[in-house]
Amino acid sequence: MTPDALQTLATQIDEVFLVIGAAILLIELAEVLFKGRHKGRSLLEMVASASTQIPYLVVEVLILTSAYGVFYILAETVVPWQLPMTWWVIVLAVIAADFTYYWEHRIAHEVRLLWTQHAVHHSSREYNIITGIRFGPLEGVWSLIAHIPLVFLGFSPDMIFFGIITVLAYQTWIHTELVGKLGWFDKVMNSPANHRVHHGCDDKYIDRNYGGITVIWDQLFGTYQAEEETPRYGLKRDFDSRNPLAVWFSEVPGLWRDMRRARSWGEAWRYMTRPPGWTPHER
């Protein structure tokens, strides 16, 4: 397997899930148009979700495209070993990327500074295929940092990028209510039912099902929750806006207010690094 062939395969995988996502979108749009009095809200919600791609892609193009060059620099100048680009190593790279995604995702829920970005993905009260592209402007920065350890394990940058693309492409189809429960599949793989739980703000659904391709990591680390009833989607707090600017930066003003009223630099730091909702009374 050559780097060019691997890149072609990644593109093909991405295109397959893109086609699946487009088919789901067409069905969801048809459903929305027959909603009657609620269709205006649903369409605006979709537009708000799609609008998050504007700042996200600006950051990706202007900053992260070159920043990912650090993977190549580390691989060529710091890491003295590299795994061969064989099929079994490529499969291992996807598994490693999926494991990394689990912790990247979980930490983004548990560190408030990172949550200011990831909360954008969770801020919609509706759940549809367009929710899958609802990203915080700087989410890619944390993803870049989280995947650097894979270079030190000996995976080439090309294999790491292939793993990242595969994990993200897979998740295209799970952002929908069109697909119900899938039996045994839900116990092993990430699915619409499992990911609906992740987007729920009900107490038993909060911070559950972080997996990308598989929910085995959730099963192993105690964060799995099966879907029992339809979740209430969105943030725990009262946020229900379709204003693009409010959606892009929904959590930033709250963090800024808390840091300004902090009684010390240490307390301000804890506001940034502790979980959302942390107060100085929690030690």
Protein backbone atom coordinates (compact mmCIF):
# COMPACT_ATOMS: atom_id res chain seq x y z
CA MET A 1 0.00 0.00 0.00
CA THR A 2 1.41 3.38 -1.02
CA PRO A 3 0.54 6.77 0.53
CA ASP A 4 -1.24 7.78 -2.69
CA ALA A 5 -3.33 4.59 -2.71
CA LEU A 6 -4.20 5.11 0.96
CA GLN A 7 -5.30 8.67 0.24
CA THR A 8 -7.47 7.44 -2.62
CA LEU A 9 -9.06 4.85 -0.33
CA ALA A 10 -9.76 7.51 2.30
CA THR A 11 -11.46 9.67 -0.34
CA GLN A 12 -13.58 6.72 -1.50
CA ILE A 13 -14.68 5.91 2.07
CA ASP A 14 -15.56 9.56 2.64
CA GLU A 15 -17.56 9.66 -0.59
CA VAL A 16 -19.53 6.50 0.27
CA PHE A 17 -20.67 7.93 3.59
CA LEU A 18 -21.31 11.30 1.94
CA VAL A 19 -23.73 9.62 -0.48
CA ILE A 20 -25.45 7.84 2.42
CA GLY A 21 -25.68 11.14 4.29
CA ALA A 22 -27.08 12.92 1.23
CA ALA A 23 -29.79 10.27 0.86
CA ILE A 24 -30.75 10.65 4.52
CA LEU A 25 -30.78 14.44 4.12
CA LEU A 26 -33.21 14.28 1.20
CA ILE A 27 -35.60 12.11 3.22
CA GLU A 28 -35.30 14.40 6.25
CA LEU A 29 -35.92 17.51 4.14
CA ALA A 30 -39.03 15.90 2.64
CA GLU A 31 -40.19 15.08 6.16
CA VAL A 32 -39.55 18.67 7.33
CA LEU A 33 -41.56 20.12 4.44
CA PHE A 34 -44.58 18.14 5.60
CA LYS A 35 -44.25 19.25 9.23
CA GLY A 36 -46.63 22.17 8.79
CA ARG A 37 -46.19 24.89 11.39
CA HIS A 38 -42.85 23.49 12.63
CA LYS A 39 -41.10 23.37 9.26
CA GLY A 40 -39.81 26.95 9.47
CA ARG A 41 -38.08 26.25 12.77
CA SER A 42 -36.58 22.99 11.52
CA LEU A 43 -35.21 24.59 8.35
CA LEU A 44 -33.68 27.46 10.36
CA GLU A 45 -32.12 24.90 12.70
CA MET A 46 -30.53 23.18 9.72
CA VAL A 47 -29.24 26.51 8.40
CA ALA A 48 -27.76 27.34 11.82
CA SER A 49 -26.00 23.96 11.88
CA ALA A 50 -24.65 24.40 8.36
CA SER A 51 -23.46 27.94 9.20
CA THR A 52 -20.95 26.56 11.72
CA GLN A 53 -18.91 25.31 8.77
CA ILE A 54 -17.99 28.92 7.92
CA PRO A 55 -15.67 29.64 10.89
CA TYR A 56 -14.68 25.97 11.14
CA LEU A 57 -13.42 25.82 7.54
CA VAL A 58 -11.71 29.20 7.85
CA VAL A 59 -9.67 27.83 10.75
CA GLU A 60 -9.03 24.56 8.91
CA VAL A 61 -7.76 26.29 5.77
CA LEU A 62 -5.81 29.16 7.34
CA ILE A 63 -4.34 27.41 10.38
CA LEU A 64 -4.73 23.65 10.59
CA THR A 65 -3.76 22.71 7.04
CA SER A 66 -0.21 23.82 7.76
CA ALA A 67 -0.33 22.91 11.47
CA TYR A 68 -0.81 19.24 10.59
CA GLY A 69 2.67 19.45 9.10
CA VAL A 70 3.92 18.91 12.67
CA PHE A 71 3.02 15.22 12.21
CA TYR A 72 5.48 14.94 9.32
CA ILE A 73 8.15 16.94 11.16
CA LEU A 74 7.90 14.71 14.24
CA ALA A 75 7.84 11.53 12.15
CA GLU A 76 10.96 12.52 10.22
CA THR A 77 13.06 14.22 12.90
CA VAL A 78 12.03 12.89 16.32
CA VAL A 79 10.52 9.43 16.00
CA PRO A 80 13.21 6.96 14.88
CA TRP A 81 10.80 4.13 14.04
CA GLN A 82 7.80 3.76 11.75
CA LEU A 83 5.38 0.89 11.27
CA PRO A 84 5.15 -0.54 7.75
CA MET A 85 2.19 0.54 5.64
CA THR A 86 0.58 -2.89 5.40
CA TRP A 87 -3.10 -3.77 5.57
CA TRP A 88 -2.97 -5.02 9.15
CA VAL A 89 -1.13 -1.88 10.31
CA ILE A 90 -3.69 0.32 8.50
CA VAL A 91 -6.51 -1.51 10.30
CA LEU A 92 -4.58 -1.03 13.54
CA ALA A 93 -4.27 2.69 12.73
CA VAL A 94 -8.05 2.96 12.38
CA ILE A 95 -8.52 1.20 15.74
CA ALA A 96 -5.95 3.53 17.31
CA ALA A 97 -7.68 6.57 15.78
CA ASP A 98 -11.04 5.36 17.10
CA PHE A 99 -9.58 4.84 20.61
CA THR A 100 -8.01 8.31 20.42
CA TYR A 101 -11.32 9.78 19.29
CA TYR A 102 -13.06 8.28 22.32
CA TRP A 103 -10.69 10.10 24.72
CA GLU A 104 -10.53 13.26 22.62
CA HIS A 105 -14.32 13.36 22.69
CA ARG A 106 -14.64 12.49 26.37
CA ILE A 107 -12.06 15.08 27.46
CA ALA A 108 -13.87 17.71 25.36
CA HIS A 109 -16.89 17.10 27.58
CA GLU A 110 -14.88 17.20 30.80
CA VAL A 111 -12.69 20.28 30.26
CA ARG A 112 -14.70 23.48 30.07
CA LEU A 113 -12.34 25.33 27.72
CA LEU A 114 -12.68 22.49 25.22
CA TRP A 115 -16.40 22.29 25.90
CA THR A 116 -16.83 25.87 24.64
CA GLN A 117 -16.05 24.42 21.21
CA HIS A 118 -17.69 21.00 21.38
CA ALA A 119 -20.90 22.38 22.92
CA VAL A 120 -21.67 23.87 19.51
CA HIS A 121 -22.23 20.32 18.26
CA HIS A 122 -24.67 19.67 21.10
CA SER A 123 -26.57 22.94 21.04
CA SER A 124 -29.41 22.00 18.68
CA ARG A 125 -32.80 21.00 20.07
CA GLU A 126 -33.33 18.95 16.92
CA TYR A 127 -31.41 15.93 15.69
CA ASN A 128 -30.82 15.39 12.00
CA ILE A 129 -28.07 14.66 9.48
CA ILE A 130 -27.02 18.34 9.37
CA THR A 131 -26.27 18.18 13.09
CA GLY A 132 -23.31 16.02 12.09
CA ILE A 133 -21.51 19.04 10.59
CA ARG A 134 -22.29 21.39 13.48
CA PHE A 135 -18.77 22.12 14.77
CA GLY A 136 -17.11 24.66 17.03
CA PRO A 137 -14.62 26.93 15.18
CA LEU A 138 -11.58 25.55 17.03
CA GLU A 139 -12.55 21.89 17.51
CA GLY A 140 -9.93 20.85 14.99
CA VAL A 141 -7.14 22.29 17.14
CA TRP A 142 -7.87 19.88 20.00
CA SER A 143 -8.22 17.00 17.54
CA LEU A 144 -4.76 17.75 16.13
CA ILE A 145 -3.19 17.77 19.60
CA ALA A 146 -5.00 14.61 20.69
CA HIS A 147 -3.69 12.59 17.74
CA ILE A 148 -0.01 13.54 18.06
CA PRO A 149 0.75 10.54 20.35
CA LEU A 150 -0.05 8.23 17.42
CA VAL A 151 3.08 9.52 15.67
CA PHE A 152 5.18 8.32 18.62
CA LEU A 153 3.61 4.87 18.34
CA GLY A 154 5.13 4.61 14.88
CA PHE A 155 2.12 5.30 12.66
CA SER A 156 2.98 7.40 9.63
CA PRO A 157 1.09 10.70 9.23
CA ASP A 158 -0.67 9.24 6.18
CA MET A 159 -2.03 6.34 8.22
CA ILE A 160 -3.07 8.68 11.04
CA PHE A 161 -4.96 10.94 8.64
CA PHE A 162 -6.59 7.86 7.09
CA GLY A 163 -7.74 6.78 10.56
CA ILE A 164 -9.10 10.23 11.39
CA ILE A 165 -11.00 10.49 8.09
CA THR A 166 -12.46 6.99 8.49
CA VAL A 167 -13.67 7.64 12.04
CA LEU A 168 -15.27 10.96 11.08
CA ALA A 169 -16.76 9.67 7.81
CA TYR A 170 -18.41 6.75 9.61
CA GLN A 171 -20.26 9.14 11.90
CA THR A 172 -22.05 10.84 9.00
CA TRP A 173 -24.99 8.43 9.01
CA ILE A 174 -25.61 8.23 12.77
CA HIS A 175 -27.07 11.73 13.12
CA THR A 176 -30.64 10.83 12.26
CA GLU A 177 -33.93 9.72 13.77
CA LEU A 178 -34.88 7.83 10.61
CA VAL A 179 -33.07 4.67 11.77
CA GLY A 180 -34.38 2.95 14.89
CA LYS A 181 -32.69 0.47 17.19
CA LEU A 182 -30.52 -2.17 15.51
CA GLY A 183 -30.37 -4.96 18.10
CA TRP A 184 -26.94 -6.53 18.65
CA PHE A 185 -25.34 -3.90 16.38
CA ASP A 186 -26.09 -1.21 18.98
CA LYS A 187 -24.10 -3.13 21.58
CA VAL A 188 -20.92 -3.09 19.52
CA MET A 189 -21.00 -0.28 16.99
CA ASN A 190 -21.89 3.36 17.16
CA SER A 191 -25.36 3.75 15.69
CA PRO A 192 -28.14 6.32 15.41
CA ALA A 193 -29.72 4.99 18.62
CA ASN A 194 -26.43 5.18 20.53
CA HIS A 195 -25.61 8.64 19.24
CA ARG A 196 -29.09 9.97 19.96
CA VAL A 197 -28.32 9.13 23.58
CA HIS A 198 -25.08 11.09 23.33
CA HIS A 199 -26.97 14.18 22.16
CA GLY A 200 -29.58 13.86 24.91
CA CYS A 201 -29.58 16.27 27.85
CA ASP A 202 -31.62 14.02 30.15
CA ASP A 203 -29.69 13.19 33.34
CA LYS A 204 -29.15 9.53 32.47
CA TYR A 205 -27.98 10.39 28.95
CA ILE A 206 -25.52 13.17 29.83
CA ASP A 207 -21.88 12.32 28.99
CA ARG A 208 -22.56 8.88 27.54
CA ASN A 209 -21.58 7.06 24.33
CA TYR A 210 -18.43 8.91 23.28
CA GLY A 211 -17.37 6.31 20.71
CA GLY A 212 -16.70 7.12 17.05
CA ILE A 213 -17.00 3.85 15.12
CA THR A 214 -17.50 1.44 17.99
CA VAL A 215 -19.01 1.71 21.47
CA ILE A 216 -16.69 -0.99 22.81
CA TRP A 217 -14.61 1.76 24.46
CA ASP A 218 -17.75 3.01 26.19
CA GLN A 219 -18.50 -0.52 27.35
CA LEU A 220 -14.94 -0.89 28.70
CA PHE A 221 -14.75 2.49 30.46
CA GLY A 222 -18.27 2.59 31.87
CA THR A 223 -19.78 5.32 29.70
CA TYR A 224 -22.23 3.24 27.66
CA GLN A 225 -25.96 3.90 27.86
CA ALA A 226 -28.56 2.23 25.66
CA GLU A 227 -31.42 4.30 24.27
CA GLU A 228 -34.50 3.71 26.41
CA GLU A 229 -36.76 6.57 25.39
CA THR A 230 -36.36 9.39 22.90
CA PRO A 231 -33.91 11.90 24.38
CA ARG A 232 -34.47 15.61 24.79
CA TYR A 233 -31.75 17.01 22.58
CA GLY A 234 -29.53 20.01 23.17
CA LEU A 235 -27.65 21.58 26.04
CA LYS A 236 -28.62 21.03 29.65
CA ARG A 237 -28.97 24.77 30.15
CA ASP A 238 -31.71 26.78 28.49
CA PHE A 239 -30.22 27.43 25.05
CA ASP A 240 -32.42 27.32 21.97
CA SER A 241 -31.14 29.76 19.36
CA ARG A 242 -30.92 29.68 15.59
CA ASN A 243 -28.79 32.84 15.44
CA PRO A 244 -25.50 31.70 13.81
CA LEU A 245 -23.30 33.93 15.98
CA ALA A 246 -25.03 32.75 19.15
CA VAL A 247 -24.58 29.14 18.04
CA TRP A 248 -20.89 29.56 17.10
CA PHE A 249 -19.95 31.10 20.46
CA SER A 250 -22.70 29.85 22.78
CA GLU A 251 -20.46 28.86 25.71
CA VAL A 252 -17.70 31.49 25.46
CA PRO A 253 -19.52 34.39 27.22
CA GLY A 254 -20.36 32.22 30.24
CA LEU A 255 -16.77 31.06 30.67
CA TRP A 256 -15.50 34.62 30.29
CA ARG A 257 -17.92 35.89 32.97
CA ASP A 258 -16.83 33.19 35.40
CA MET A 259 -13.14 33.85 34.81
CA ARG A 260 -13.58 37.61 35.31
CA ARG A 261 -15.20 37.11 38.70
CA ALA A 262 -12.63 34.53 39.81
CA ARG A 263 -10.90 35.48 43.06
CA SER A 264 -7.47 34.27 41.96
CA TRP A 265 -5.52 33.13 38.92
CA GLY A 266 -5.77 29.57 40.21
CA GLU A 267 -9.54 29.80 40.41
CA ALA A 268 -9.69 31.23 36.87
CA TRP A 269 -7.54 28.33 35.68
CA ARG A 270 -9.87 25.83 37.33
CA TYR A 271 -12.85 27.42 35.61
CA MET A 272 -11.12 26.64 32.30
CA THR A 273 -9.90 23.14 33.11
CA ARG A 274 -12.62 21.66 35.33
CA PRO A 275 -15.86 20.21 33.92
CA PRO A 276 -18.70 22.51 32.83
CA GLY A 277 -20.73 23.58 35.84
CA TRP A 278 -17.76 23.52 38.24
CA THR A 279 -17.86 26.12 41.02
CA PRO A 280 -15.19 27.14 43.58
CA HIS A 281 -17.20 25.30 46.23
CA GLU A 282 -16.25 21.99 44.55
CA ARG A 283 -12.77 20.95 45.65
